[in-house]
Amino acid sequence: MSDRQHIAHDIAHDLAQVENAIDAAIAAAGGFVARLPAYRREAMLSAVAGQEVFSAVGEATNLLTTARGEIVRGHHKLEALRRAMKLDPVTAGGPADKPPSDAVMPPLPGVPLA
């Protein structure tokens, strides 16, 4: 494996870790947002009292989604660079045929489905 191909493999591994971490953060934040109304009711707070919390957590979740989009954009730019450099396709697991961009990813371990 050439030095550049080895570096491409390391980049793919790191990129996959970042993508998975952001997905896990979005899933966790979404679950938290989904549970907030029940928490508010259990604490016997008015909707007015909890609105600032809903807004802040909703905005944070939106920012995570934006960050995910930027990572995906970077992923596509790395893919274009890999092709321009005529390097073999790589995945986080090593050289392989990459799955299609629209392939369904299995659930993340330890992340409940919302």
PDB file of N, CA and C in Angstrom:
ATOM      1  N   MET A   1       0.862  -1.179   0.000  1.00  0.00           N
ATOM      2  CA  MET A   1       0.000   0.000   0.000  1.00  0.00           C
ATOM      3  C   MET A   1       0.904   1.237   0.000  1.00  0.00           C
ATOM      4  N   SER A   2       0.642   2.173  -0.897  1.00  0.00           N
ATOM      5  CA  SER A   2       1.446   3.391  -0.974  1.00  0.00           C
ATOM      6  C   SER A   2       1.201   4.267   0.258  1.00  0.00           C
ATOM      7  N   ASP A   3       2.110   5.193   0.479  1.00  0.00           N
ATOM      8  CA  ASP A   3       1.942   6.118   1.606  1.00  0.00           C
ATOM      9  C   ASP A   3       0.632   6.887   1.478  1.00  0.00           C
ATOM     10  N   ARG A   4       0.333   7.363   0.271  1.00  0.00           N
ATOM     11  CA  ARG A   4      -0.908   8.115   0.064  1.00  0.00           C
ATOM     12  C   ARG A   4      -2.131   7.235   0.286  1.00  0.00           C
ATOM     13  N   GLN A   5      -2.071   5.996  -0.152  1.00  0.00           N
ATOM     14  CA  GLN A   5      -3.196   5.086   0.042  1.00  0.00           C
ATOM     15  C   GLN A   5      -3.385   4.801   1.534  1.00  0.00           C
ATOM     16  N   HIS A   6      -2.287   4.669   2.249  1.00  0.00           N
ATOM     17  CA  HIS A   6      -2.345   4.448   3.693  1.00  0.00           C
ATOM     18  C   HIS A   6      -2.977   5.661   4.387  1.00  0.00           C
ATOM     19  N   ILE A   7      -2.571   6.850   3.977  1.00  0.00           N
ATOM     20  CA  ILE A   7      -3.146   8.080   4.546  1.00  0.00           C
ATOM     21  C   ILE A   7      -4.638   8.152   4.230  1.00  0.00           C
ATOM     22  N   ALA A   8      -5.024   7.781   3.000  1.00  0.00           N
ATOM     23  CA  ALA A   8      -6.440   7.781   2.621  1.00  0.00           C
ATOM     24  C   ALA A   8      -7.232   6.844   3.532  1.00  0.00           C
ATOM     25  N   HIS A   9      -6.649   5.698   3.857  1.00  0.00           N
ATOM     26  CA  HIS A   9      -7.307   4.758   4.768  1.00  0.00           C
ATOM     27  C   HIS A   9      -7.480   5.395   6.149  1.00  0.00           C
ATOM     28  N   ASP A  10      -6.430   6.051   6.660  1.00  0.00           N
ATOM     29  CA  ASP A  10      -6.519   6.709   7.971  1.00  0.00           C
ATOM     30  C   ASP A  10      -7.584   7.805   7.962  1.00  0.00           C
ATOM     31  N   ILE A  11      -7.645   8.560   6.873  1.00  0.00           N
ATOM     32  CA  ILE A  11      -8.652   9.620   6.749  1.00  0.00           C
ATOM     33  C   ILE A  11     -10.051   9.010   6.764  1.00  0.00           C
ATOM     34  N   ALA A  12     -10.243   7.926   6.007  1.00  0.00           N
ATOM     35  CA  ALA A  12     -11.556   7.278   5.967  1.00  0.00           C
ATOM     36  C   ALA A  12     -11.974   6.801   7.354  1.00  0.00           C
ATOM     37  N   HIS A  13     -11.034   6.237   8.093  1.00  0.00           N
ATOM     38  CA  HIS A  13     -11.328   5.761   9.450  1.00  0.00           C
ATOM     39  C   HIS A  13     -11.736   6.927  10.350  1.00  0.00           C
ATOM     40  N   ASP A  14     -10.944   7.994  10.334  1.00  0.00           N
ATOM     41  CA  ASP A  14     -11.250   9.163  11.166  1.00  0.00           C
ATOM     42  C   ASP A  14     -12.578   9.801  10.766  1.00  0.00           C
ATOM     43  N   LEU A  15     -12.811   9.919   9.459  1.00  0.00           N
ATOM     44  CA  LEU A  15     -14.050  10.508   8.973  1.00  0.00           C
ATOM     45  C   LEU A  15     -15.256   9.689   9.430  1.00  0.00           C
ATOM     46  N   ALA A  16     -15.153   8.378   9.350  1.00  0.00           N
ATOM     47  CA  ALA A  16     -16.260   7.520   9.798  1.00  0.00           C
ATOM     48  C   ALA A  16     -16.535   7.724  11.282  1.00  0.00           C
ATOM     49  N   GLN A  17     -15.486   7.883  12.080  1.00  0.00           N
ATOM     50  CA  GLN A  17     -15.681   8.129  13.514  1.00  0.00           C
ATOM     51  C   GLN A  17     -16.419   9.438  13.748  1.00  0.00           C
ATOM     52  N   VAL A  18     -16.038  10.479  13.016  1.00  0.00           N
ATOM     53  CA  VAL A  18     -16.698  11.784  13.162  1.00  0.00           C
ATOM     54  C   VAL A  18     -18.165  11.685  12.724  1.00  0.00           C
ATOM     55  N   GLU A  19     -18.407  11.052  11.571  1.00  0.00           N
ATOM     56  CA  GLU A  19     -19.786  10.913  11.082  1.00  0.00           C
ATOM     57  C   GLU A  19     -20.641  10.135  12.084  1.00  0.00           C
ATOM     58  N   ASN A  20     -20.107   9.064  12.620  1.00  0.00           N
ATOM     59  CA  ASN A  20     -20.863   8.273  13.604  1.00  0.00           C
ATOM     60  C   ASN A  20     -21.106   9.051  14.891  1.00  0.00           C
ATOM     61  N   ALA A  21     -20.117   9.828  15.326  1.00  0.00           N
ATOM     62  CA  ALA A  21     -20.282  10.624  16.549  1.00  0.00           C
ATOM     63  C   ALA A  21     -21.358  11.686  16.368  1.00  0.00           C
ATOM     64  N   ILE A  22     -21.358  12.336  15.221  1.00  0.00           N
ATOM     65  CA  ILE A  22     -22.386  13.355  14.977  1.00  0.00           C
ATOM     66  C   ILE A  22     -23.759  12.703  14.891  1.00  0.00           C
ATOM     67  N   ASP A  23     -23.863  11.565  14.202  1.00  0.00           N
ATOM     68  CA  ASP A  23     -25.147  10.864  14.143  1.00  0.00           C
ATOM     69  C   ASP A  23     -25.631  10.478  15.540  1.00  0.00           C
ATOM     70  N   ALA A  24     -24.722   9.991  16.372  1.00  0.00           N
ATOM     71  CA  ALA A  24     -25.091   9.617  17.741  1.00  0.00           C
ATOM     72  C   ALA A  24     -25.541  10.843  18.536  1.00  0.00           C
ATOM     73  N   ALA A  25     -24.858  11.962  18.344  1.00  0.00           N
ATOM     74  CA  ALA A  25     -25.238  13.189  19.050  1.00  0.00           C
ATOM     75  C   ALA A  25     -26.618  13.668  18.603  1.00  0.00           C
ATOM     76  N   ILE A  26     -26.884  13.599  17.304  1.00  0.00           N
ATOM     77  CA  ILE A  26     -28.202  13.999  16.799  1.00  0.00           C
ATOM     78  C   ILE A  26     -29.281  13.077  17.362  1.00  0.00           C
ATOM     79  N   ALA A  27     -29.020  11.786  17.387  1.00  0.00           N
ATOM     80  CA  ALA A  27     -29.993  10.833  17.927  1.00  0.00           C
ATOM     81  C   ALA A  27     -30.257  11.099  19.411  1.00  0.00           C
ATOM     82  N   ALA A  28     -29.197  11.350  20.157  1.00  0.00           N
ATOM     83  CA  ALA A  28     -29.352  11.625  21.585  1.00  0.00           C
ATOM     84  C   ALA A  28     -30.112  12.929  21.808  1.00  0.00           C
ATOM     85  N   ALA A  29     -29.757  13.961  21.052  1.00  0.00           N
ATOM     86  CA  ALA A  29     -30.436  15.249  21.195  1.00  0.00           C
ATOM     87  C   ALA A  29     -31.904  15.130  20.806  1.00  0.00           C
ATOM     88  N   GLY A  30     -32.172  14.384  19.734  1.00  0.00           N
ATOM     89  CA  GLY A  30     -33.560  14.184  19.316  1.00  0.00           C
ATOM     90  C   GLY A  30     -34.375  13.458  20.371  1.00  0.00           C
ATOM     91  N   GLY A  31     -33.772  12.450  20.980  1.00  0.00           N
ATOM     92  CA  GLY A  31     -34.459  11.739  22.056  1.00  0.00           C
ATOM     93  C   GLY A  31     -34.734  12.641  23.249  1.00  0.00           C
ATOM     94  N   PHE A  32     -33.755  13.495  23.543  1.00  0.00           N
ATOM     95  CA  PHE A  32     -33.918  14.442  24.653  1.00  0.00           C
ATOM     96  C   PHE A  32     -35.050  15.422  24.359  1.00  0.00           C
ATOM     97  N   VAL A  33     -35.062  15.961  23.143  1.00  0.00           N
ATOM     98  CA  VAL A  33     -36.131  16.884  22.745  1.00  0.00           C
ATOM     99  C   VAL A  33     -37.488  16.186  22.854  1.00  0.00           C
ATOM    100  N   ALA A  34     -37.541  14.941  22.428  1.00  0.00           N
ATOM    101  CA  ALA A  34     -38.806  14.200  22.466  1.00  0.00           C
ATOM    102  C   ALA A  34     -39.294  13.975  23.899  1.00  0.00           C
ATOM    103  N   ARG A  35     -38.370  13.865  24.848  1.00  0.00           N
ATOM    104  CA  ARG A  35     -38.759  13.618  26.243  1.00  0.00           C
ATOM    105  C   ARG A  35     -39.038  14.900  27.032  1.00  0.00           C
ATOM    106  N   LEU A  36     -38.608  16.041  26.521  1.00  0.00           N
ATOM    107  CA  LEU A  36     -38.786  17.294  27.261  1.00  0.00           C
ATOM    108  C   LEU A  36     -40.236  17.594  27.644  1.00  0.00           C
ATOM    109  N   PRO A  37     -41.218  17.404  26.769  1.00  0.00           N
ATOM    110  CA  PRO A  37     -42.598  17.694  27.193  1.00  0.00           C
ATOM    111  C   PRO A  37     -43.036  16.862  28.396  1.00  0.00           C
ATOM    112  N   ALA A  38     -42.647  15.594  28.414  1.00  0.00           N
ATOM    113  CA  ALA A  38     -43.016  14.749  29.556  1.00  0.00           C
ATOM    114  C   ALA A  38     -42.327  15.225  30.828  1.00  0.00           C
ATOM    115  N   TYR A  39     -41.056  15.603  30.715  1.00  0.00           N
ATOM    116  CA  TYR A  39     -40.339  16.125  31.884  1.00  0.00           C
ATOM    117  C   TYR A  39     -41.020  17.391  32.408  1.00  0.00           C
ATOM    118  N   ARG A  40     -41.427  18.270  31.474  1.00  0.00           N
ATOM    119  CA  ARG A  40     -42.079  19.514  31.887  1.00  0.00           C
ATOM    120  C   ARG A  40     -43.374  19.221  32.627  1.00  0.00           C
ATOM    121  N   ARG A  41     -44.155  18.271  32.077  1.00  0.00           N
ATOM    122  CA  ARG A  41     -45.425  17.920  32.735  1.00  0.00           C
ATOM    123  C   ARG A  41     -45.186  17.280  34.099  1.00  0.00           C
ATOM    124  N   GLU A  42     -44.212  16.370  34.179  1.00  0.00           N
ATOM    125  CA  GLU A  42     -43.905  15.712  35.463  1.00  0.00           C
ATOM    126  C   GLU A  42     -43.457  16.719  36.515  1.00  0.00           C
ATOM    127  N   ALA A  43     -42.750  17.749  36.096  1.00  0.00           N
ATOM    128  CA  ALA A  43     -42.293  18.780  37.038  1.00  0.00           C
ATOM    129  C   ALA A  43     -43.384  19.805  37.322  1.00  0.00           C
ATOM    130  N   MET A  44     -44.528  19.644  36.672  1.00  0.00           N
ATOM    131  CA  MET A  44     -45.673  20.541  36.822  1.00  0.00           C
ATOM    132  C   MET A  44     -45.294  21.992  36.524  1.00  0.00           C
ATOM    133  N   LEU A  45     -44.599  22.169  35.414  1.00  0.00           N
ATOM    134  CA  LEU A  45     -44.241  23.513  34.957  1.00  0.00           C
ATOM    135  C   LEU A  45     -45.165  23.914  33.819  1.00  0.00           C
ATOM    136  N   SER A  46     -45.422  25.193  33.717  1.00  0.00           N
ATOM    137  CA  SER A  46     -46.247  25.669  32.605  1.00  0.00           C
ATOM    138  C   SER A  46     -45.442  25.597  31.313  1.00  0.00           C
ATOM    139  N   ALA A  47     -46.150  25.597  30.218  1.00  0.00           N
ATOM    140  CA  ALA A  47     -45.496  25.591  28.905  1.00  0.00           C
ATOM    141  C   ALA A  47     -44.625  26.828  28.747  1.00  0.00           C
ATOM    142  N   VAL A  48     -45.043  27.924  29.331  1.00  0.00           N
ATOM    143  CA  VAL A  48     -44.277  29.169  29.239  1.00  0.00           C
ATOM    144  C   VAL A  48     -42.924  29.001  29.927  1.00  0.00           C
ATOM    145  N   ALA A  49     -42.918  28.343  31.085  1.00  0.00           N
ATOM    146  CA  ALA A  49     -41.671  28.171  31.840  1.00  0.00           C
ATOM    147  C   ALA A  49     -40.660  27.323  31.084  1.00  0.00           C
ATOM    148  N   GLY A  50     -41.123  26.390  30.281  1.00  0.00           N
ATOM    149  CA  GLY A  50     -40.204  25.510  29.590  1.00  0.00           C
ATOM    150  C   GLY A  50     -39.820  25.938  28.189  1.00  0.00           C
ATOM    151  N   GLN A  51     -40.440  27.011  27.678  1.00  0.00           N
ATOM    152  CA  GLN A  51     -40.224  27.376  26.283  1.00  0.00           C
ATOM    153  C   GLN A  51     -38.770  27.720  25.974  1.00  0.00           C
ATOM    154  N   GLU A  52     -38.097  28.427  26.857  1.00  0.00           N
ATOM    155  CA  GLU A  52     -36.695  28.790  26.597  1.00  0.00           C
ATOM    156  C   GLU A  52     -35.819  27.547  26.499  1.00  0.00           C
ATOM    157  N   VAL A  53     -36.133  26.540  27.299  1.00  0.00           N
ATOM    158  CA  VAL A  53     -35.387  25.284  27.234  1.00  0.00           C
ATOM    159  C   VAL A  53     -35.637  24.602  25.885  1.00  0.00           C
ATOM    160  N   PHE A  54     -36.889  24.509  25.474  1.00  0.00           N
ATOM    161  CA  PHE A  54     -37.224  23.905  24.186  1.00  0.00           C
ATOM    162  C   PHE A  54     -36.501  24.620  23.047  1.00  0.00           C
ATOM    163  N   SER A  55     -36.521  25.941  23.087  1.00  0.00           N
ATOM    164  CA  SER A  55     -35.877  26.723  22.028  1.00  0.00           C
ATOM    165  C   SER A  55     -34.376  26.482  21.991  1.00  0.00           C
ATOM    166  N   ALA A  56     -33.734  26.487  23.154  1.00  0.00           N
ATOM    167  CA  ALA A  56     -32.282  26.305  23.210  1.00  0.00           C
ATOM    168  C   ALA A  56     -31.879  24.908  22.739  1.00  0.00           C
ATOM    169  N   VAL A  57     -32.583  23.901  23.218  1.00  0.00           N
ATOM    170  CA  VAL A  57     -32.250  22.520  22.837  1.00  0.00           C
ATOM    171  C   VAL A  57     -32.578  22.285  21.361  1.00  0.00           C
ATOM    172  N   GLY A  58     -33.678  22.856  20.897  1.00  0.00           N
ATOM    173  CA  GLY A  58     -34.022  22.736  19.479  1.00  0.00           C
ATOM    174  C   GLY A  58     -32.967  23.381  18.596  1.00  0.00           C
ATOM    175  N   GLU A  59     -32.481  24.549  18.976  1.00  0.00           N
ATOM    176  CA  GLU A  59     -31.436  25.223  18.204  1.00  0.00           C
ATOM    177  C   GLU A  59     -30.142  24.415  18.226  1.00  0.00           C
ATOM    178  N   ALA A  60     -29.796  23.845  19.358  1.00  0.00           N
ATOM    179  CA  ALA A  60     -28.588  23.018  19.438  1.00  0.00           C
ATOM    180  C   ALA A  60     -28.712  21.799  18.525  1.00  0.00           C
ATOM    181  N   THR A  61     -29.884  21.187  18.497  1.00  0.00           N
ATOM    182  CA  THR A  61     -30.117  20.038  17.625  1.00  0.00           C
ATOM    183  C   THR A  61     -30.010  20.455  16.159  1.00  0.00           C
ATOM    184  N   ASN A  62     -30.548  21.618  15.836  1.00  0.00           N
ATOM    185  CA  ASN A  62     -30.443  22.147  14.476  1.00  0.00           C
ATOM    186  C   ASN A  62     -28.980  22.378  14.095  1.00  0.00           C
ATOM    187  N   LEU A  63     -28.190  22.890  15.012  1.00  0.00           N
ATOM    188  CA  LEU A  63     -26.767  23.115  14.739  1.00  0.00           C
ATOM    189  C   LEU A  63     -26.032  21.794  14.511  1.00  0.00           C
ATOM    190  N   LEU A  64     -26.405  20.757  15.246  1.00  0.00           N
ATOM    191  CA  LEU A  64     -25.811  19.436  15.016  1.00  0.00           C
ATOM    192  C   LEU A  64     -26.142  18.941  13.608  1.00  0.00           C
ATOM    193  N   THR A  65     -27.373  19.168  13.185  1.00  0.00           N
ATOM    194  CA  THR A  65     -27.783  18.759  11.848  1.00  0.00           C
ATOM    195  C   THR A  65     -27.008  19.533  10.783  1.00  0.00           C
ATOM    196  N   THR A  66     -26.805  20.816  11.020  1.00  0.00           N
ATOM    197  CA  THR A  66     -26.000  21.628  10.103  1.00  0.00           C
ATOM    198  C   THR A  66     -24.567  21.115  10.063  1.00  0.00           C
ATOM    199  N   ALA A  67     -24.008  20.795  11.224  1.00  0.00           N
ATOM    200  CA  ALA A  67     -22.643  20.266  11.283  1.00  0.00           C
ATOM    201  C   ALA A  67     -22.548  18.955  10.513  1.00  0.00           C
ATOM    202  N   ARG A  68     -23.557  18.109  10.613  1.00  0.00           N
ATOM    203  CA  ARG A  68     -23.559  16.849   9.878  1.00  0.00           C
ATOM    204  C   ARG A  68     -23.515  17.116   8.381  1.00  0.00           C
ATOM    205  N   GLY A  69     -24.292  18.086   7.934  1.00  0.00           N
ATOM    206  CA  GLY A  69     -24.291  18.433   6.521  1.00  0.00           C
ATOM    207  C   GLY A  69     -22.927  18.901   6.043  1.00  0.00           C
ATOM    208  N   GLU A  70     -22.231  19.644   6.877  1.00  0.00           N
ATOM    209  CA  GLU A  70     -20.894  20.126   6.515  1.00  0.00           C
ATOM    210  C   GLU A  70     -19.884  18.984   6.479  1.00  0.00           C
ATOM    211  N   ILE A  71     -20.015  18.041   7.401  1.00  0.00           N
ATOM    212  CA  ILE A  71     -19.128  16.871   7.371  1.00  0.00           C
ATOM    213  C   ILE A  71     -19.386  16.056   6.105  1.00  0.00           C
ATOM    214  N   VAL A  72     -20.636  15.890   5.731  1.00  0.00           N
ATOM    215  CA  VAL A  72     -20.972  15.165   4.504  1.00  0.00           C
ATOM    216  C   VAL A  72     -20.393  15.905   3.294  1.00  0.00           C
ATOM    217  N   ARG A  73     -20.485  17.229   3.298  1.00  0.00           N
ATOM    218  CA  ARG A  73     -19.909  18.025   2.202  1.00  0.00           C
ATOM    219  C   ARG A  73     -18.402  17.799   2.137  1.00  0.00           C
ATOM    220  N   GLY A  74     -17.747  17.782   3.287  1.00  0.00           N
ATOM    221  CA  GLY A  74     -16.318  17.489   3.328  1.00  0.00           C
ATOM    222  C   GLY A  74     -16.010  16.091   2.840  1.00  0.00           C
ATOM    223  N   HIS A  75     -16.873  15.142   3.172  1.00  0.00           N
ATOM    224  CA  HIS A  75     -16.716  13.764   2.723  1.00  0.00           C
ATOM    225  C   HIS A  75     -16.709  13.713   1.186  1.00  0.00           C
ATOM    226  N   HIS A  76     -17.650  14.411   0.584  1.00  0.00           N
ATOM    227  CA  HIS A  76     -17.720  14.435  -0.880  1.00  0.00           C
ATOM    228  C   HIS A  76     -16.479  15.093  -1.494  1.00  0.00           C
ATOM    229  N   LYS A  77     -15.975  16.127  -0.856  1.00  0.00           N
ATOM    230  CA  LYS A  77     -14.762  16.787  -1.353  1.00  0.00           C
ATOM    231  C   LYS A  77     -13.552  15.855  -1.236  1.00  0.00           C
ATOM    232  N   LEU A  78     -13.474  15.106  -0.128  1.00  0.00           N
ATOM    233  CA  LEU A  78     -12.393  14.128   0.008  1.00  0.00           C
ATOM    234  C   LEU A  78     -12.503  13.049  -1.065  1.00  0.00           C
ATOM    235  N   GLU A  79     -13.721  12.620  -1.351  1.00  0.00           N
ATOM    236  CA  GLU A  79     -13.925  11.609  -2.392  1.00  0.00           C
ATOM    237  C   GLU A  79     -13.458  12.133  -3.748  1.00  0.00           C
ATOM    238  N   ALA A  80     -13.775  13.389  -4.050  1.00  0.00           N
ATOM    239  CA  ALA A  80     -13.331  13.979  -5.314  1.00  0.00           C
ATOM    240  C   ALA A  80     -11.805  14.059  -5.367  1.00  0.00           C
ATOM    241  N   LEU A  81     -11.193  14.417  -4.258  1.00  0.00           N
ATOM    242  CA  LEU A  81      -9.728  14.486  -4.196  1.00  0.00           C
ATOM    243  C   LEU A  81      -9.115  13.099  -4.385  1.00  0.00           C
ATOM    244  N   ARG A  82      -9.712  12.088  -3.751  1.00  0.00           N
ATOM    245  CA  ARG A  82      -9.221  10.719  -3.905  1.00  0.00           C
ATOM    246  C   ARG A  82      -9.254  10.299  -5.369  1.00  0.00           C
ATOM    247  N   ARG A  83     -10.347  10.616  -6.043  1.00  0.00           N
ATOM    248  CA  ARG A  83     -10.460  10.263  -7.466  1.00  0.00           C
ATOM    249  C   ARG A  83      -9.426  11.015  -8.296  1.00  0.00           C
ATOM    250  N   ALA A  84      -9.249  12.306  -8.010  1.00  0.00           N
ATOM    251  CA  ALA A  84      -8.280  13.103  -8.755  1.00  0.00           C
ATOM    252  C   ALA A  84      -6.861  12.565  -8.570  1.00  0.00           C
ATOM    253  N   MET A  85      -6.586  12.034  -7.381  1.00  0.00           N
ATOM    254  CA  MET A  85      -5.262  11.476  -7.101  1.00  0.00           C
ATOM    255  C   MET A  85      -5.132  10.033  -7.581  1.00  0.00           C
ATOM    256  N   LYS A  86      -6.228   9.499  -8.139  1.00  0.00           N
ATOM    257  CA  LYS A  86      -6.264   8.129  -8.658  1.00  0.00           C
ATOM    258  C   LYS A  86      -5.922   7.079  -7.596  1.00  0.00           C
ATOM    259  N   LEU A  87      -6.430   7.318  -6.378  1.00  0.00           N
ATOM    260  CA  LEU A  87      -6.256   6.351  -5.299  1.00  0.00           C
ATOM    261  C   LEU A  87      -7.423   5.373  -5.316  1.00  0.00           C
ATOM    262  N   ASP A  88      -7.171   4.174  -4.821  1.00  0.00           N
ATOM    263  CA  ASP A  88      -8.226   3.171  -4.735  1.00  0.00           C
ATOM    264  C   ASP A  88      -9.282   3.625  -3.726  1.00  0.00           C
ATOM    265  N   PRO A  89     -10.539   3.241  -3.957  1.00  0.00           N
ATOM    266  CA  PRO A  89     -11.578   3.556  -2.970  1.00  0.00           C
ATOM    267  C   PRO A  89     -11.255   2.893  -1.630  1.00  0.00           C
ATOM    268  N   VAL A  90     -11.587   3.570  -0.551  1.00  0.00           N
ATOM    269  CA  VAL A  90     -11.386   3.011   0.781  1.00  0.00           C
ATOM    270  C   VAL A  90     -12.641   3.227   1.610  1.00  0.00           C
ATOM    271  N   THR A  91     -12.810   2.369   2.584  1.00  0.00           N
ATOM    272  CA  THR A  91     -13.854   2.548   3.583  1.00  0.00           C
ATOM    273  C   THR A  91     -13.150   2.535   4.936  1.00  0.00           C
ATOM    274  N   ALA A  92     -13.898   2.766   5.978  1.00  0.00           N
ATOM    275  CA  ALA A  92     -13.294   2.791   7.314  1.00  0.00           C
ATOM    276  C   ALA A  92     -12.641   1.452   7.643  1.00  0.00           C
ATOM    277  N   GLY A  93     -13.114   0.380   7.025  1.00  0.00           N
ATOM    278  CA  GLY A  93     -12.563  -0.943   7.283  1.00  0.00           C
ATOM    279  C   GLY A  93     -11.379  -1.305   6.410  1.00  0.00           C
ATOM    280  N   GLY A  94     -11.058  -0.484   5.432  1.00  0.00           N
ATOM    281  CA  GLY A  94      -9.934  -0.765   4.549  1.00  0.00           C
ATOM    282  C   GLY A  94     -10.339  -0.683   3.100  1.00  0.00           C
ATOM    283  N   PRO A  95      -9.410  -0.995   2.200  1.00  0.00           N
ATOM    284  CA  PRO A  95      -9.741  -0.922   0.772  1.00  0.00           C
ATOM    285  C   PRO A  95     -10.915  -1.845   0.448  1.00  0.00           C
ATOM    286  N   ALA A  96     -11.882  -1.318  -0.244  1.00  0.00           N
ATOM    287  CA  ALA A  96     -13.065  -2.104  -0.607  1.00  0.00           C
ATOM    288  C   ALA A  96     -13.893  -1.295  -1.575  1.00  0.00           C
ATOM    289  N   ASP A  97     -14.853  -1.965  -2.192  1.00  0.00           N
ATOM    290  CA  ASP A  97     -15.835  -1.223  -2.978  1.00  0.00           C
ATOM    291  C   ASP A  97     -16.696  -0.459  -1.993  1.00  0.00           C
ATOM    292  N   LYS A  98     -16.799   0.840  -2.210  1.00  0.00           N
ATOM    293  CA  LYS A  98     -17.619   1.649  -1.306  1.00  0.00           C
ATOM    294  C   LYS A  98     -19.088   1.339  -1.530  1.00  0.00           C
ATOM    295  N   PRO A  99     -19.876   1.335  -0.452  1.00  0.00           N
ATOM    296  CA  PRO A  99     -21.315   1.160  -0.633  1.00  0.00           C
ATOM    297  C   PRO A  99     -21.883   2.395  -1.330  1.00  0.00           C
ATOM    298  N   PRO A 100     -23.032   2.271  -1.970  1.00  0.00           N
ATOM    299  CA  PRO A 100     -23.624   3.436  -2.614  1.00  0.00           C
ATOM    300  C   PRO A 100     -23.950   4.515  -1.589  1.00  0.00           C
ATOM    301  N   SER A 101     -23.951   5.774  -2.027  1.00  0.00           N
ATOM    302  CA  SER A 101     -24.198   6.902  -1.126  1.00  0.00           C
ATOM    303  C   SER A 101     -25.546   6.800  -0.427  1.00  0.00           C
ATOM    304  N   ASP A 102     -26.516   6.165  -1.073  1.00  0.00           N
ATOM    305  CA  ASP A 102     -27.852   6.075  -0.491  1.00  0.00           C
ATOM    306  C   ASP A 102     -28.084   4.764   0.266  1.00  0.00           C
ATOM    307  N   ALA A 103     -27.001   4.029   0.545  1.00  0.00           N
ATOM    308  CA  ALA A 103     -27.125   2.771   1.278  1.00  0.00           C
ATOM    309  C   ALA A 103     -27.649   3.041   2.687  1.00  0.00           C
ATOM    310  N   VAL A 104     -28.450   2.141   3.218  1.00  0.00           N
ATOM    311  CA  VAL A 104     -29.011   2.285   4.558  1.00  0.00           C
ATOM    312  C   VAL A 104     -27.982   1.824   5.573  1.00  0.00           C
ATOM    313  N   MET A 105     -27.717   2.669   6.553  1.00  0.00           N
ATOM    314  CA  MET A 105     -26.750   2.338   7.592  1.00  0.00           C
ATOM    315  C   MET A 105     -27.457   1.593   8.716  1.00  0.00           C
ATOM    316  N   PRO A 106     -26.848   0.540   9.242  1.00  0.00           N
ATOM    317  CA  PRO A 106     -27.473  -0.160  10.363  1.00  0.00           C
ATOM    318  C   PRO A 106     -27.508   0.756  11.590  1.00  0.00           C
ATOM    319  N   PRO A 107     -28.383   0.468  12.542  1.00  0.00           N
ATOM    320  CA  PRO A 107     -28.460   1.302  13.747  1.00  0.00           C
ATOM    321  C   PRO A 107     -27.106   1.354  14.454  1.00  0.00           C
ATOM    322  N   LEU A 108     -26.852   2.509  15.081  1.00  0.00           N
ATOM    323  CA  LEU A 108     -25.612   2.676  15.833  1.00  0.00           C
ATOM    324  C   LEU A 108     -25.713   1.923  17.152  1.00  0.00           C
ATOM    325  N   PRO A 109     -24.659   1.196  17.541  1.00  0.00           N
ATOM    326  CA  PRO A 109     -24.706   0.480  18.816  1.00  0.00           C
ATOM    327  C   PRO A 109     -24.866   1.445  19.983  1.00  0.00           C
ATOM    328  N   GLY A 110     -25.748   1.127  20.878  1.00  0.00           N
ATOM    329  CA  GLY A 110     -25.934   1.930  22.077  1.00  0.00           C
ATOM    330  C   GLY A 110     -26.779   3.179  21.865  1.00  0.00           C
ATOM    331  N   VAL A 111     -27.279   3.413  20.658  1.00  0.00           N
ATOM    332  CA  VAL A 111     -28.098   4.588  20.397  1.00  0.00           C
ATOM    333  C   VAL A 111     -29.530   4.117  20.142  1.00  0.00           C
ATOM    334  N   PRO A 112     -30.447   4.462  21.050  1.00  0.00           N
ATOM    335  CA  PRO A 112     -31.826   4.011  20.866  1.00  0.00           C
ATOM    336  C   PRO A 112     -32.449   4.676  19.650  1.00  0.00           C
ATOM    337  N   LEU A 113     -33.300   3.927  18.957  1.00  0.00           N
ATOM    338  CA  LEU A 113     -34.025   4.499  17.826  1.00  0.00           C
ATOM    339  C   LEU A 113     -35.113   5.394  18.366  1.00  0.00           C
ATOM    340  N   ALA A 114     -35.209   6.588  17.797  1.00  0.00           N
ATOM    341  CA  ALA A 114     -36.205   7.553  18.276  1.00  0.00           C
ATOM    342  C   ALA A 114     -37.570   7.238  17.722  1.00  0.00           C
TER     343      ALA A 114
END
